[in-house]
Amino acid sequence: MHCNYCIATEEHSGLRCWLSFSHSVSWNLKVYLTIKTVSCSITGKNIFSEVQNLLAYSEPGTKHCTTVDANLIQNDYLTNFTNFMLKLIFEHCSLKVKDNQLRASSFKRKGLGPHRGRLNIQSGIEDGDIYDGAWCAQYRDKKQWLEVDARQLTRFTGVILQGRNSIWSWDVVHTYKVQFSNDSLVWKPCMNGTEEAVFEGNQDAETPVLALFNTSAVARYIRINPQTWYQNGTDGDICLRAEVLGCTLPGPAESRDKLDFRHHNYKEMKKLMKSVNEACPDITRIYSIGKSYTGLKLYVMEISDNPGKHELGEPEFRYVAGMHGNEVLGRELLLNLMQYICQEYKRGDQRIVHLVKETRIHLLPSMNPDGYEMAFKKGSELSGWALGRYSYEGIDMNHNFADLNSVMWTAIELETDRSKLINHYFPIPEQYTSEEAFVASETRAVINWMQDIPFVLSANLHGGELVVTYPYDMTRDWAPREHTPTSDESFFRWLSTAYASTNQVMSNPDRRPCHNKDFLRYNNIINGADWHNVPGSMNDFSYLHTNCFEVTVELSCDKFPHASELPMEWENNRESLLIYMEQVHRGIKGVVRDKDTEAGIADAIIKVDDIDHHIRSVADGDYWRLLNPGEYRVTASAEGYYPSSRTCQVMYDHYPTICDFRLTKMPKQRLKEILAKGGKIPKDLQLRLRQLRLRKLRVTTKAMNQRRAAAAAKRAKRV
């Protein structure tokens, strides 16, 4: 963290910044301020109380926890020095807190979510849009809270509060309490002597009101807990904007999670996975999808509330790591992830509990165990750039999947009737499936895995760069690089951004480029083919052969980081790994059923207007279509059924829109099924068949009469 305006404390010589998540502008002035008499509450004082002493000003009625109106302490009688100090504190010395660091007990809607609870944030013109002017709780009781995760130990010293910015509503919090935590589970209140401190809030919506803690508190998390608010009869909502003040503690940041941070060879990986399964047997299952060339099993950890079974309507998600055996960080992150989910599920972390109950997760930590063992024996310093990249046979698995892109583009060039073209579920060419084909056993195992389980979303974890790439990975004309988008370009960009923007290293604007390309210019995401041409990639194959959307995540500049770096790498990627998994619940989902029998229809085609890529329902008739927020016209069709269309609205919420379909059988299909079972033909079907025969007879008769009339006219012309 870099800050141009900081305070040197008495205890520490290094500069420390105030923690802030206000919606304020950045300043480019370079002024450094050292105040020897001021500390971050280490001596029981802080800069705000020093300012008050300078002003000989004290707020009446406050004994331990001080509340100051920010407008009052900037009146004309203040000295220039005092004004300057306050300006530095309030506006310039800030650690910008990202949206995913803000949580709340509840919120009324997306536009009033915790990410909108930032000091001085302004609302949109229309009340009720996604740009509202505060965090507002869904419920009106004293159990509501707004929480900030500082992501490292921080010495908290105060809070600044505002009401809701709105031209339509008037909502302010009058009093509130504050609590602290190191794990977000056990909370301790801010005390006023022997009693829990109650801080004065706002009397109007726009004036920032500062409250200082009597004694600073060292913690990672802080909560603001409203106690009283403007009631407005019975319509008053709990709404606030806030800024938290504090100093980050010195020293290297370590992970708070108690995980096994070290490199694991094959035997150690098996042992760790077994320990996770034993710790959480109700939500985990270990299975193998095949073997490597040397016979090492490709183990997968399944995490679900019902392991071993596909549940109707529950999406399937996968992470794959270690395709290149020497790119080891993904392997360790997935081992950390399975430990973390197990631990947090048992602790009752509601985010993790919800993820496990609503998603079937599959983690393959090592797709190329043979390559990893080669790199592991040399170690992180001596394995070099390529040792262990390839399979034991020397195959680069990142180029080893069937090239379906060429199949698609060739068909587009040769076919004159566009209606005959397919845009999904491309079959694998025969020459690729033959035993003589140069396909790694690991690649074949993963393809079979893809065909067995109806995955919806996936990510392929690599190393050596810091960027997220999305399909297509192959250029259309074999150019070295060229932007080659899919029909789902906008959603792939969203997926990539979801990971990159929450990754602490990728999102750091001051980070250096890894090697020779500055991906910061692209916001750390890029179309794979626009980086370099990769025919036969797993991403492209997954998109064209199955329903699954997949991106590649390049996790670190170093392919084989030292074991001492693993705790920090986990901290860098933990939120990204979770956020990305949660994207599997975006878009629409539903079940395609037979209207008469209510049975699910497998292989029904789901078409979204204006997106030239369809997906299909799976064995039980359920489907998932990943989409960005918006309104879509969706059509479901299946062989032997009349197609059905409906409009589906995708919202900004973190759950999908339900769009079910009930298809009516065509009469011939119904008749065929009834006769096959030896049943009687229902009267409605008899009537429908009679109508169809009469219609066909009329059409046939009309055509015959037209031909006879044309023949008679021709004969008359000859005569």
Foldseek 3Di string as FASTA:
>chain_A
DDFQEFEQEQVHRDTWFWAWAAPADEDDDRDYDYDHVAHQLPVLHHPVVVLCVVVVDADPPDDQKGKDFVVVSPDPVDDPVSVVVVCSRPHGRYDHADPVQKAKPAFCDQLQGRNLQHAPQAADQDPPDNPWRWRWHNDPAQPIKMKGFQLFKWFWWWKKKFFTHDPPDWKWFAKKWKWAAAPVPDIDTQDDVPHGDIDGIDPGGRTIMMITGSGIDIHRMMMIGGHGMDCVPPPHIHTMHMITTTTGDDDDGFFPDPADQADAALVRLVVLLVVLCVLCVQFWDKDFLFAFPVGRTQIKIKGANHPPDDDFPAAEEEEAEALFQLLQLQLVLLSRVSNVLSVVVVVPPPLSVVLRHRHIYMYGSHLASQLNVQQPVLAQPGCDDRRSGAHPVRHRQQQQAAQCLQVQVVCVVPDPDPVPHAQAQDDGDPVSPDPPHPHTRSNVSVVVVCVVHQHAEYEYEGAQFAAKEFDDQADNVRDFADQDDALQRVVRVVLRLLQQCQQPQSVPPPDDGLPPDDCVVVSRYYHNRRVGHRGRGPQVCSQHNHNYHYMYGHQYNRSRDHSVCSRVSSSRGVSSVSSSSLLQFFEEKEFEAAQPPRFTDWQKWKDWPSRRGIHTAHDRRIDGDHDDFDKIWIWTGDPQWDIDIDIWGTDPDSHYTYDYHHTYGDLVSVVVVQVVVVHDDDPVSVVVVVVVVVVVVVVVVVVVVVVVVVVVVVVVVVD
